[in-house]
Amino acid sequence: MIADDEASIRDGLKCIIDWESLGFSLCGEASNGKDALSQILARKPGLVLLDVKMPGMHGTEVIRLAREAGFLGKCIILSGYSDFKYAQEAMKSGVRFYLTKPIDEDELIQTVTQIREELAEEKQRSSHFTQYKNKAKNVVLQELLHSAPESPLSEEDCRMFGLTADVYQVVICENYHAPSTAAPFLFAEMLKVSNRDNMIFDHLSTDGRDVVLLKGVHGLNKLREFLERLEQNDMQDGSPMDSMFLACGRPVHAVEDIHLSYADASALLARRFFCLPGQHTAEYDALPRTNENPSPEADDASFSWNADAVAGYANRLTDYIGAYNRRMIVDTMQEIELGLMTAPNAIEDIRLLLIDLYLQVKENLTRNYPAAEFPFRNNPEAIEYIHSRGYLYEILRFLSEQSEAAMGALGSSSKDTVLADVLFYIDHNFNKNIKLETIAPLFGYNSAYLGKIFTKSVGESFNTYVDHRRIEHSKKLLLENRLKVYEIAEQVGYKNVDYFHKKFRKYMEMSPAEFRKGQGLDEEPEIYPPP
């Protein structure tokens, strides 16, 4: 950059030497001190040619203020012989290069060449320091993920490694379609646009995992916004988001506790076996309190997952199949699912228990109905199938399909009865995250076929029917005037209150608050009775 109040001198400096051959290009020029200072701070040039005497502000003042503002570039002071005292003043600001007018071409080339070499050396040193710092930071982050540091990091270290936030959260990103080898769509890629100087998050690999360490309220808000978008939008097969699974640890407020958040995320990954169909995220509050010390007198299913429990469930399922009681079969499958989710058993042990359950039901039915021709899979094939499933819902779906096939072999009931069972299930479970893809296998159908007969028989789609049941129940809760709108949204099955508002307005043509007000009630209750 060139700053001189005489246009002829500025033009001469641009042409006197071949700047490009010396590794420089012109980024700006100024004719007064204030403009020069503004451009220096905005453009941060590597080299400034600065006249001492300029209107508005002398060059010595320009360079002093620029240094105070953090400018680190090189500067050549230009002055006449009589102005040397100004050059001396500039040298107090670290200026080492001084040329007198008229400028000698050889002297300018020699000075610029020296500056170019110094800039190259500084750049190399800076690059090496950055590399060493990044290596050290990676080591520090790896240690913080796995354990609390033996001694707290100093404030200087925290600043150096960008660990000065007031809150942190670990997110692990995996490929959703395990064991597919396709690279997952990295969550970190979605945040890079706002991650200047790694202030919002750090991205690293550890234990063969892709890890993002979110830093600060802004980083955590970015995660929350992304999770809400995932919840409200149907995932398209083959889309980048469809290839991603996120495990989110708890937020922590100290660097020393980052390992707790990573431990949560790791535990959630280990429990992917219990995820629902299409579930692409698992959050820290979903970690169950397992019953590691079962009480012998407890009757909760989660306390008793052992050989006796398997035999009991096998006998119940055998009876329900014989009675064509789909409703109780579905209830039993749900009871098994809930019990296993809170049981302390290892995942592989759970698979073995479910194999035992299948084999016992098969044996019971074969013994009780010797004339029936059950289309069961042979034992090695069924065992291999259950062993190879990555999710509990896949195994329970298989057991449900086998139960439906067994009822068919015995002469099961009509499609109308099945539909009645589905409606009964919806009417008693609409407050949960129920989807057609989840319900259909429980009744022995694929979702596309059940959706068609549901719409044809009921006169509206599955999702519309669920929405109507939720909205009708929300109206009752609104009229009771004891819960806030966001609490009602949760009770009828909408996790997001904005989504509930959208659905309520769609079907009622007014907001929940307007509905309350129209009934002569307060928009929000002020006093809440105990639950």
Protein backbone atom coordinates (compact mmCIF):
# COMPACT_ATOMS: atom_id res chain seq x y z
CA MET A 1 0.00 0.00 0.00
CA ILE A 2 1.21 3.50 -0.87
CA ALA A 3 0.32 6.61 1.15
CA ASP A 4 1.53 10.03 -0.03
CA ASP A 5 -0.27 13.34 -0.53
CA GLU A 6 1.32 13.89 -3.94
CA ALA A 7 -0.29 11.92 -6.77
CA SER A 8 2.86 12.14 -8.90
CA ILE A 9 4.90 10.42 -6.19
CA ARG A 10 2.25 7.70 -5.76
CA ASP A 11 2.23 7.09 -9.52
CA GLY A 12 6.02 7.09 -9.64
CA LEU A 13 6.31 4.54 -6.80
CA LYS A 14 3.91 2.21 -8.64
CA CYS A 15 6.10 2.26 -11.74
CA ILE A 16 9.66 2.74 -10.50
CA ILE A 17 10.24 -0.99 -9.90
CA ASP A 18 8.62 -4.27 -10.97
CA TRP A 19 6.62 -5.02 -7.81
CA GLU A 20 5.23 -8.34 -9.04
CA SER A 21 8.69 -9.76 -9.69
CA LEU A 22 9.51 -8.94 -6.04
CA GLY A 23 6.38 -10.75 -4.83
CA PHE A 24 4.09 -7.77 -4.16
CA SER A 25 0.86 -6.38 -5.60
CA LEU A 26 -0.80 -3.04 -4.89
CA CYS A 27 -3.83 -3.33 -2.58
CA GLY A 28 -4.55 0.38 -2.02
CA GLU A 29 -3.32 3.95 -1.94
CA ALA A 30 -4.13 7.01 0.18
CA SER A 31 -3.55 10.75 -0.08
CA ASN A 32 -4.04 11.70 3.59
CA GLY A 33 -3.25 10.30 7.02
CA LYS A 34 -6.79 9.38 8.11
CA ASP A 35 -7.50 7.45 4.91
CA ALA A 36 -4.12 5.74 5.20
CA LEU A 37 -4.85 4.55 8.74
CA SER A 38 -8.32 3.33 7.77
CA GLN A 39 -6.99 1.33 4.82
CA ILE A 40 -4.08 -0.13 6.79
CA LEU A 41 -6.43 -1.48 9.46
CA ALA A 42 -8.94 -2.75 6.88
CA ARG A 43 -6.56 -4.31 4.34
CA LYS A 44 -3.67 -5.33 6.64
CA PRO A 45 -1.00 -5.04 3.90
CA GLY A 46 2.35 -6.76 4.31
CA LEU A 47 4.17 -3.56 3.33
CA VAL A 48 3.26 0.13 3.57
CA LEU A 49 5.18 2.98 1.91
CA LEU A 50 4.23 5.91 4.13
CA ASP A 51 5.00 9.61 3.65
CA VAL A 52 5.82 11.49 6.86
CA LYS A 53 3.99 14.73 6.10
CA MET A 54 0.39 14.23 4.98
CA PRO A 55 -2.82 16.23 5.50
CA GLY A 56 -5.05 15.24 8.41
CA MET A 57 -2.47 13.11 10.23
CA HIS A 58 1.29 12.76 10.01
CA GLY A 59 2.68 9.40 8.96
CA THR A 60 4.32 8.96 12.39
CA GLU A 61 0.89 9.19 14.03
CA VAL A 62 -0.57 6.82 11.44
CA ILE A 63 1.96 4.08 12.14
CA ARG A 64 1.75 4.58 15.93
CA LEU A 65 -2.04 4.17 15.93
CA ALA A 66 -1.84 1.25 13.51
CA ARG A 67 0.62 -0.57 15.79
CA GLU A 68 -1.60 0.05 18.82
CA ALA A 69 -4.49 -1.50 16.87
CA GLY A 70 -2.44 -4.65 16.20
CA PHE A 71 -1.00 -3.98 12.73
CA LEU A 72 2.13 -6.13 12.28
CA GLY A 73 3.12 -5.33 8.68
CA LYS A 74 6.35 -3.74 7.52
CA CYS A 75 6.63 -0.01 6.86
CA ILE A 76 8.99 2.16 4.79
CA ILE A 77 9.01 5.82 5.87
CA LEU A 78 9.38 8.33 3.02
CA SER A 79 10.62 11.87 3.80
CA GLY A 80 12.90 14.67 2.74
CA TYR A 81 16.28 15.25 4.40
CA SER A 82 14.86 18.06 6.53
CA ASP A 83 12.17 15.72 7.95
CA PHE A 84 14.51 13.12 9.42
CA LYS A 85 13.32 13.96 12.94
CA TYR A 86 9.90 12.55 11.92
CA ALA A 87 11.51 9.40 10.68
CA GLN A 88 13.23 9.03 14.04
CA GLU A 89 9.83 9.34 15.71
CA ALA A 90 8.42 6.59 13.47
CA MET A 91 11.30 4.31 14.40
CA LYS A 92 10.01 4.34 17.97
CA SER A 93 7.01 2.42 16.59
CA GLY A 94 9.28 -0.31 15.26
CA VAL A 95 9.83 1.16 11.78
CA ARG A 96 13.33 0.16 10.56
CA PHE A 97 13.26 1.30 6.96
CA TYR A 98 13.70 4.93 5.95
CA LEU A 99 14.11 6.33 2.43
CA THR A 100 14.64 9.96 1.43
CA LYS A 101 13.03 11.68 -1.50
CA PRO A 102 13.63 11.58 -4.35
CA ILE A 103 13.55 7.77 -4.10
CA ASP A 104 16.57 5.93 -5.50
CA GLU A 105 15.45 2.90 -7.54
CA ASP A 106 18.31 0.60 -6.46
CA GLU A 107 17.91 1.54 -2.81
CA LEU A 108 14.17 0.85 -2.99
CA ILE A 109 14.73 -2.54 -4.65
CA GLN A 110 17.31 -3.48 -2.00
CA THR A 111 14.98 -2.45 0.85
CA VAL A 112 11.91 -4.20 -0.62
CA THR A 113 13.94 -7.38 -1.25
CA GLN A 114 15.08 -7.42 2.39
CA ILE A 115 11.48 -6.91 3.56
CA ARG A 116 10.27 -9.73 1.29
CA GLU A 117 12.82 -12.11 2.85
CA GLU A 118 11.83 -11.08 6.37
CA LEU A 119 8.14 -11.57 5.59
CA ALA A 120 8.85 -15.03 4.17
CA GLU A 121 10.80 -16.02 7.30
CA GLU A 122 8.04 -14.71 9.57
CA LYS A 123 5.43 -16.60 7.58
CA GLN A 124 7.43 -19.81 7.87
CA ARG A 125 7.90 -19.35 11.61
CA SER A 126 4.19 -18.60 11.98
CA SER A 127 3.32 -21.71 9.97
CA HIS A 128 5.57 -23.89 12.12
CA PHE A 129 4.11 -22.40 15.31
CA THR A 130 0.58 -23.03 14.04
CA GLN A 131 1.46 -26.63 13.23
CA TYR A 132 2.99 -27.21 16.66
CA LYS A 133 0.06 -25.49 18.36
CA ASN A 134 -2.46 -27.61 16.40
CA LYS A 135 -0.59 -30.80 17.31
CA ALA A 136 -0.50 -29.80 20.96
CA LYS A 137 -4.17 -28.82 20.88
CA ASN A 138 -5.14 -32.16 19.39
CA VAL A 139 -3.25 -33.97 22.17
CA VAL A 140 -4.94 -31.81 24.82
CA LEU A 141 -8.41 -32.37 23.33
CA GLN A 142 -7.83 -36.13 23.11
CA GLU A 143 -6.91 -36.20 26.80
CA LEU A 144 -9.88 -34.02 27.80
CA LEU A 145 -12.27 -36.36 25.96
CA HIS A 146 -11.07 -39.43 27.83
CA SER A 147 -10.43 -38.19 31.38
CA ALA A 148 -10.24 -35.18 33.64
CA PRO A 149 -6.78 -33.54 33.50
CA GLU A 150 -4.49 -34.26 36.44
CA SER A 151 -4.07 -30.52 36.93
CA PRO A 152 -6.36 -27.74 35.59
CA LEU A 153 -5.30 -25.99 32.40
CA SER A 154 -3.89 -22.51 32.93
CA GLU A 155 -5.77 -19.49 31.64
CA GLU A 156 -3.00 -18.96 29.07
CA ASP A 157 -3.32 -22.55 27.80
CA CYS A 158 -7.11 -22.23 27.60
CA ARG A 159 -6.77 -19.09 25.52
CA MET A 160 -4.13 -20.68 23.27
CA PHE A 161 -6.30 -23.74 22.61
CA GLY A 162 -9.60 -21.87 22.29
CA LEU A 163 -11.09 -23.35 25.45
CA THR A 164 -12.49 -20.22 27.10
CA ALA A 165 -16.22 -20.92 26.60
CA ASP A 166 -18.71 -21.14 29.46
CA VAL A 167 -20.33 -24.37 28.19
CA TYR A 168 -19.22 -27.40 26.12
CA GLN A 169 -21.00 -30.37 24.52
CA VAL A 170 -19.61 -33.41 22.69
CA VAL A 171 -21.33 -34.80 19.59
CA ILE A 172 -20.20 -38.05 17.91
CA CYS A 173 -21.17 -38.52 14.27
CA GLU A 174 -21.48 -42.03 12.82
CA ASN A 175 -22.78 -43.54 9.61
CA TYR A 176 -26.48 -44.25 10.11
CA HIS A 177 -26.47 -47.14 7.67
CA ALA A 178 -23.99 -49.30 9.60
CA PRO A 179 -22.23 -51.45 8.58
CA SER A 180 -22.16 -49.48 5.29
CA THR A 181 -18.69 -48.23 4.42
CA ALA A 182 -20.01 -45.03 2.82
CA ALA A 183 -18.61 -41.91 4.48
CA PRO A 184 -21.20 -40.23 6.74
CA PHE A 185 -22.36 -36.67 6.16
CA LEU A 186 -20.29 -34.95 8.81
CA PHE A 187 -22.18 -32.78 11.27
CA ALA A 188 -19.07 -30.58 11.41
CA GLU A 189 -19.52 -29.69 7.74
CA MET A 190 -22.85 -28.05 8.58
CA LEU A 191 -21.22 -25.73 11.13
CA LYS A 192 -18.05 -24.63 9.33
CA VAL A 193 -19.64 -21.56 7.83
CA SER A 194 -19.90 -19.97 11.27
CA ASN A 195 -16.75 -21.41 12.86
CA ARG A 196 -14.23 -18.60 12.43
CA ASP A 197 -10.98 -19.39 14.26
CA ASN A 198 -12.63 -22.54 15.69
CA MET A 199 -14.57 -20.42 18.16
CA ILE A 200 -17.83 -22.41 17.80
CA PHE A 201 -16.48 -25.97 17.69
CA ASP A 202 -13.43 -28.20 17.32
CA HIS A 203 -13.48 -31.19 15.00
CA LEU A 204 -11.29 -34.23 15.62
CA SER A 205 -11.12 -38.00 15.41
CA THR A 206 -10.66 -40.29 18.38
CA ASP A 207 -11.26 -44.02 18.97
CA GLY A 208 -12.06 -44.26 15.25
CA ARG A 209 -14.96 -41.81 15.69
CA ASP A 210 -15.79 -38.45 14.17
CA VAL A 211 -16.13 -36.04 17.13
CA VAL A 212 -17.32 -32.44 17.36
CA LEU A 213 -16.71 -30.43 20.54
CA LEU A 214 -19.24 -27.59 20.60
CA LYS A 215 -18.13 -24.48 22.50
CA GLY A 216 -20.28 -21.73 23.93
CA VAL A 217 -24.01 -21.00 23.91
CA HIS A 218 -23.95 -20.20 20.19
CA GLY A 219 -22.49 -23.61 19.34
CA LEU A 220 -25.06 -25.45 21.48
CA ASN A 221 -27.87 -23.41 19.94
CA LYS A 222 -26.66 -24.45 16.49
CA LEU A 223 -26.98 -28.09 17.58
CA ARG A 224 -30.48 -27.51 18.99
CA GLU A 225 -31.63 -25.80 15.78
CA PHE A 226 -30.30 -28.69 13.72
CA LEU A 227 -31.98 -31.33 15.88
CA GLU A 228 -35.31 -29.48 15.63
CA ARG A 229 -35.01 -29.38 11.84
CA LEU A 230 -34.36 -33.12 11.82
CA GLU A 231 -37.42 -33.74 14.01
CA GLN A 232 -39.79 -31.66 11.89
CA ASN A 233 -38.66 -32.86 8.45
CA ASP A 234 -39.09 -36.33 7.04
CA MET A 235 -35.72 -37.86 6.15
CA GLN A 236 -35.38 -38.63 2.43
CA ASP A 237 -33.70 -41.91 1.51
CA GLY A 238 -30.28 -41.25 0.05
CA SER A 239 -30.10 -37.65 1.27
CA PRO A 240 -26.89 -36.52 3.04
CA MET A 241 -28.70 -36.25 6.37
CA ASP A 242 -30.03 -39.79 5.96
CA SER A 243 -26.44 -41.08 6.17
CA MET A 244 -25.79 -39.48 9.57
CA PHE A 245 -26.35 -40.55 13.18
CA LEU A 246 -25.58 -38.13 16.03
CA ALA A 247 -24.97 -39.04 19.67
CA CYS A 248 -25.05 -35.93 21.90
CA GLY A 249 -23.49 -35.90 25.36
CA ARG A 250 -24.57 -33.65 28.21
CA PRO A 251 -23.60 -29.94 28.30
CA VAL A 252 -20.83 -29.25 30.83
CA HIS A 253 -19.57 -25.93 32.15
CA ALA A 254 -15.91 -26.71 32.84
CA VAL A 255 -13.07 -27.90 30.62
CA GLU A 256 -12.30 -30.57 33.21
CA ASP A 257 -15.78 -32.11 32.68
CA ILE A 258 -15.64 -32.50 28.88
CA HIS A 259 -14.89 -36.21 29.38
CA LEU A 260 -18.32 -36.65 31.01
CA SER A 261 -20.04 -35.38 27.86
CA TYR A 262 -17.92 -37.69 25.70
CA ALA A 263 -18.74 -40.64 27.99
CA ASP A 264 -22.47 -39.89 27.52
CA ALA A 265 -22.14 -39.80 23.74
CA SER A 266 -20.14 -43.05 23.75
CA ALA A 267 -22.77 -44.74 25.94
CA LEU A 268 -25.50 -43.59 23.55
CA LEU A 269 -23.65 -45.11 20.60
CA ALA A 270 -23.44 -48.39 22.49
CA ARG A 271 -27.25 -48.22 22.88
CA ARG A 272 -28.07 -47.64 19.21
CA PHE A 273 -29.52 -51.14 19.41
CA PHE A 274 -32.56 -49.60 21.16
CA CYS A 275 -33.17 -46.78 18.64
CA LEU A 276 -36.50 -46.53 16.85
CA PRO A 277 -36.91 -46.89 13.08
CA GLY A 278 -35.55 -43.83 11.30
CA GLN A 279 -34.02 -42.39 14.48
CA HIS A 280 -30.95 -40.36 13.54
CA THR A 281 -30.13 -38.78 16.90
CA ALA A 282 -29.69 -39.86 20.50
CA GLU A 283 -29.43 -37.29 23.30
CA TYR A 284 -27.89 -37.56 26.75
CA ASP A 285 -31.26 -37.45 28.57
CA ALA A 286 -32.25 -40.67 26.78
CA LEU A 287 -29.74 -42.71 28.80
CA PRO A 288 -31.79 -44.99 31.09
CA ARG A 289 -31.25 -45.73 34.74
CA THR A 290 -30.62 -49.44 34.52
CA ASN A 291 -31.50 -51.76 37.36
CA GLU A 292 -28.08 -53.17 38.16
CA ASN A 293 -29.19 -54.54 41.57
CA PRO A 294 -32.54 -56.20 40.91
CA SER A 295 -34.89 -56.75 43.81
CA PRO A 296 -36.26 -60.30 43.99
CA GLU A 297 -39.73 -59.10 44.97
CA ALA A 298 -39.95 -56.47 42.21
CA ASP A 299 -42.47 -57.26 39.49
CA ASP A 300 -41.21 -54.70 36.91
CA ALA A 301 -40.13 -56.45 33.69
CA SER A 302 -36.78 -54.67 33.74
CA PHE A 303 -35.82 -56.43 36.97
CA SER A 304 -36.40 -59.96 35.70
CA TRP A 305 -34.93 -60.51 32.26
CA ASN A 306 -33.69 -64.04 32.69
CA ALA A 307 -34.66 -67.59 31.64
CA ASP A 308 -37.80 -67.56 33.79
CA ALA A 309 -38.97 -64.26 32.29
CA VAL A 310 -38.43 -65.64 28.79
CA ALA A 311 -40.51 -68.71 29.57
CA GLY A 312 -43.31 -66.52 30.96
CA TYR A 313 -43.40 -64.31 27.87
CA ALA A 314 -43.27 -67.37 25.59
CA ASN A 315 -46.34 -68.85 27.30
CA ARG A 316 -48.23 -65.55 27.07
CA LEU A 317 -47.47 -65.10 23.39
CA THR A 318 -48.47 -68.68 22.69
CA ASP A 319 -51.87 -68.07 24.34
CA TYR A 320 -52.46 -64.76 22.52
CA ILE A 321 -51.61 -66.30 19.14
CA GLY A 322 -54.04 -69.13 19.82
CA ALA A 323 -56.74 -66.58 20.71
CA TYR A 324 -56.00 -64.34 17.69
CA ASN A 325 -55.44 -61.54 20.20
CA ARG A 326 -53.31 -59.08 18.28
CA ARG A 327 -53.93 -56.36 20.82
CA MET A 328 -52.32 -58.32 23.63
CA ILE A 329 -49.50 -59.48 21.37
CA VAL A 330 -48.70 -55.83 20.64
CA ASP A 331 -48.90 -54.95 24.34
CA THR A 332 -46.57 -57.83 25.19
CA MET A 333 -44.05 -56.78 22.55
CA GLN A 334 -44.08 -53.26 23.99
CA GLU A 335 -43.62 -54.63 27.51
CA ILE A 336 -40.66 -56.69 26.33
CA GLU A 337 -39.16 -53.63 24.60
CA LEU A 338 -39.49 -51.38 27.65
CA GLY A 339 -38.13 -54.05 29.96
CA LEU A 340 -35.06 -54.67 27.81
CA MET A 341 -34.32 -50.96 27.43
CA THR A 342 -33.86 -50.59 31.19
CA ALA A 343 -32.31 -54.01 31.82
CA PRO A 344 -28.61 -54.25 32.74
CA ASN A 345 -28.08 -57.10 30.25
CA ALA A 346 -25.40 -56.76 27.58
CA ILE A 347 -26.67 -56.39 24.00
CA GLU A 348 -25.42 -59.82 22.99
CA ASP A 349 -27.16 -61.38 26.00
CA ILE A 350 -30.40 -59.69 24.93
CA ARG A 351 -30.11 -61.24 21.47
CA LEU A 352 -29.66 -64.68 23.06
CA LEU A 353 -32.73 -64.18 25.26
CA LEU A 354 -34.83 -63.19 22.24
CA ILE A 355 -33.59 -66.23 20.30
CA ASP A 356 -34.68 -68.37 23.25
CA LEU A 357 -38.07 -66.61 23.27
CA TYR A 358 -38.62 -67.33 19.59
CA LEU A 359 -37.63 -70.98 19.90
CA GLN A 360 -39.89 -71.54 22.92
CA VAL A 361 -42.94 -69.94 21.22
CA LYS A 362 -42.29 -72.06 18.15
CA GLU A 363 -42.00 -75.22 20.26
CA ASN A 364 -45.16 -74.39 22.26
CA LEU A 365 -47.27 -73.81 19.14
CA THR A 366 -45.97 -76.92 17.40
CA ARG A 367 -46.82 -78.98 20.48
CA ASN A 368 -50.23 -77.39 21.10
CA TYR A 369 -51.38 -77.43 17.47
CA PRO A 370 -49.79 -80.51 15.86
CA ALA A 371 -52.12 -80.42 12.84
CA ALA A 372 -51.28 -76.84 11.90
CA GLU A 373 -48.67 -76.11 9.25
CA PHE A 374 -46.78 -73.15 10.68
CA PRO A 375 -44.56 -71.27 8.16
CA PHE A 376 -41.78 -70.78 10.69
CA ARG A 377 -38.20 -70.33 9.58
CA ASN A 378 -35.88 -73.19 10.40
CA ASN A 379 -33.91 -72.73 13.60
CA PRO A 380 -30.43 -71.97 12.15
CA GLU A 381 -31.93 -69.38 9.78
CA ALA A 382 -33.93 -67.68 12.57
CA ILE A 383 -30.94 -67.67 14.93
CA GLU A 384 -28.69 -66.14 12.27
CA TYR A 385 -31.31 -63.49 11.46
CA ILE A 386 -31.71 -62.37 15.09
CA HIS A 387 -27.94 -62.40 15.64
CA SER A 388 -27.38 -60.16 12.61
CA ARG A 389 -29.92 -57.45 13.48
CA GLY A 390 -28.50 -54.10 14.54
CA TYR A 391 -31.68 -52.88 16.24
CA LEU A 392 -34.13 -54.27 18.79
CA TYR A 393 -37.14 -53.08 16.77
CA GLU A 394 -36.01 -55.29 13.87
CA ILE A 395 -36.04 -58.37 16.10
CA LEU A 396 -39.41 -57.48 17.63
CA ARG A 397 -40.78 -56.87 14.13
CA PHE A 398 -39.59 -60.33 13.15
CA LEU A 399 -41.29 -61.86 16.20
CA SER A 400 -44.50 -59.96 15.38
CA GLU A 401 -44.41 -61.14 11.77
CA GLN A 402 -43.91 -64.72 12.92
CA SER A 403 -46.84 -64.35 15.36
CA GLU A 404 -49.06 -63.03 12.54
CA ALA A 405 -48.01 -65.90 10.29
CA ALA A 406 -48.81 -68.38 13.08
CA MET A 407 -52.30 -66.88 13.51
CA GLY A 408 -52.75 -67.17 9.75
CA ALA A 409 -51.88 -70.86 9.94
CA LEU A 410 -54.49 -71.29 12.66
CA GLY A 411 -57.12 -69.31 10.72
CA SER A 412 -56.70 -65.71 11.83
CA SER A 413 -59.38 -63.03 11.98
CA SER A 414 -60.37 -60.57 9.25
CA LYS A 415 -58.74 -57.35 8.09
CA ASP A 416 -61.54 -55.36 9.71
CA THR A 417 -60.56 -56.77 13.09
CA VAL A 418 -56.94 -55.81 12.46
CA LEU A 419 -57.99 -52.26 11.62
CA ALA A 420 -60.03 -52.05 14.81
CA ASP A 421 -56.95 -53.11 16.75
CA VAL A 422 -54.87 -50.44 15.01
CA LEU A 423 -57.43 -47.73 15.84
CA PHE A 424 -57.55 -48.91 19.43
CA TYR A 425 -53.77 -48.70 19.60
CA ILE A 426 -53.68 -45.16 18.16
CA ASP A 427 -56.44 -43.94 20.49
CA HIS A 428 -54.40 -45.08 23.49
CA ASN A 429 -50.93 -44.11 22.28
CA PHE A 430 -51.28 -40.88 20.27
CA ASN A 431 -49.33 -39.05 23.00
CA LYS A 432 -46.22 -41.00 21.93
CA ASN A 433 -44.08 -40.62 18.81
CA ILE A 434 -46.13 -43.12 16.81
CA LYS A 435 -45.60 -43.56 13.09
CA LEU A 436 -47.17 -45.86 10.53
CA GLU A 437 -43.74 -47.38 9.83
CA THR A 438 -43.47 -48.36 13.50
CA ILE A 439 -47.03 -49.64 14.00
CA ALA A 440 -47.49 -51.64 10.78
CA PRO A 441 -44.98 -54.42 11.61
CA LEU A 442 -46.58 -54.90 15.04
CA PHE A 443 -49.75 -56.00 13.29
CA GLY A 444 -48.03 -58.07 10.63
CA TYR A 445 -48.25 -55.62 7.70
CA ASN A 446 -45.87 -53.43 5.78
CA SER A 447 -46.49 -49.72 6.17
CA ALA A 448 -47.50 -49.06 2.54
CA TYR A 449 -50.23 -51.72 2.54
CA LEU A 450 -51.60 -50.84 5.97
CA GLY A 451 -51.63 -47.15 4.97
CA LYS A 452 -53.80 -47.93 1.94
CA ILE A 453 -56.40 -50.01 3.80
CA PHE A 454 -56.38 -47.49 6.67
CA THR A 455 -57.16 -44.55 4.36
CA LYS A 456 -59.78 -46.55 2.45
CA SER A 457 -61.57 -47.74 5.60
CA VAL A 458 -61.26 -44.67 7.83
CA GLY A 459 -61.57 -42.01 5.15
CA GLU A 460 -58.37 -40.16 6.04
CA SER A 461 -54.67 -40.91 6.19
CA PHE A 462 -52.93 -42.38 9.21
CA ASN A 463 -51.09 -39.13 10.01
CA THR A 464 -54.25 -37.04 9.68
CA TYR A 465 -56.13 -39.38 12.01
CA VAL A 466 -53.34 -39.15 14.59
CA ASP A 467 -53.31 -35.35 14.29
CA HIS A 468 -57.10 -35.22 14.80
CA ARG A 469 -56.89 -37.36 17.94
CA ARG A 470 -54.08 -35.17 19.29
CA ILE A 471 -55.89 -31.91 18.51
CA GLU A 472 -59.16 -33.16 20.04
CA HIS A 473 -57.39 -34.13 23.24
CA SER A 474 -55.47 -30.84 23.31
CA LYS A 475 -58.80 -28.97 23.17
CA LYS A 476 -59.94 -30.79 26.29
CA LEU A 477 -56.69 -29.89 28.08
CA LEU A 478 -56.97 -26.27 26.94
CA LEU A 479 -60.50 -26.04 28.37
CA GLU A 480 -59.28 -27.43 31.72
CA ASN A 481 -57.06 -24.30 31.84
CA ARG A 482 -54.44 -25.77 34.17
CA LEU A 483 -51.49 -26.34 31.81
CA LYS A 484 -49.44 -24.05 29.63
CA VAL A 485 -49.55 -24.53 25.87
CA TYR A 486 -46.05 -26.04 25.66
CA GLU A 487 -47.02 -28.58 28.38
CA ILE A 488 -50.16 -29.53 26.47
CA ALA A 489 -48.09 -29.93 23.29
CA GLU A 490 -45.87 -32.46 25.07
CA GLN A 491 -48.83 -34.34 26.57
CA VAL A 492 -50.50 -34.88 23.19
CA GLY A 493 -47.33 -36.02 21.43
CA TYR A 494 -45.75 -32.88 19.93
CA LYS A 495 -42.26 -32.34 21.29
CA ASN A 496 -41.98 -28.95 19.58
CA VAL A 497 -44.52 -26.31 20.66
CA ASP A 498 -44.15 -24.37 17.37
CA TYR A 499 -45.08 -27.50 15.44
CA PHE A 500 -48.11 -27.95 17.73
CA HIS A 501 -49.17 -24.34 17.00
CA LYS A 502 -48.88 -25.04 13.27
CA LYS A 503 -51.01 -28.21 13.47
CA PHE A 504 -53.62 -26.64 15.77
CA ARG A 505 -54.08 -23.67 13.44
CA LYS A 506 -54.31 -26.00 10.44
CA TYR A 507 -57.26 -27.93 11.88
CA MET A 508 -58.91 -25.27 14.06
CA GLU A 509 -58.07 -22.14 12.02
CA MET A 510 -56.91 -20.41 15.18
CA SER A 511 -54.08 -20.64 17.69
CA PRO A 512 -54.38 -22.50 21.03
CA ALA A 513 -54.39 -19.16 22.85
CA GLU A 514 -57.18 -17.84 20.62
CA PHE A 515 -59.18 -21.03 21.26
CA ARG A 516 -58.84 -20.55 25.02
CA LYS A 517 -59.76 -16.90 24.79
CA GLY A 518 -62.80 -17.73 22.67
CA GLN A 519 -64.07 -19.92 25.52
CA GLY A 520 -63.75 -17.04 27.98
CA LEU A 521 -60.58 -18.41 29.57
CA ASP A 522 -57.21 -16.80 30.25
CA GLU A 523 -54.66 -17.33 27.49
CA GLU A 524 -52.32 -19.01 29.99
CA PRO A 525 -53.21 -20.26 33.49
CA GLU A 526 -51.43 -18.61 36.38
CA ILE A 527 -51.81 -21.32 39.03
CA TYR A 528 -50.95 -24.94 38.48
CA PRO A 529 -52.26 -27.79 40.65
CA PRO A 530 -49.79 -30.52 41.61
CA PRO A 531 -49.49 -33.26 38.97
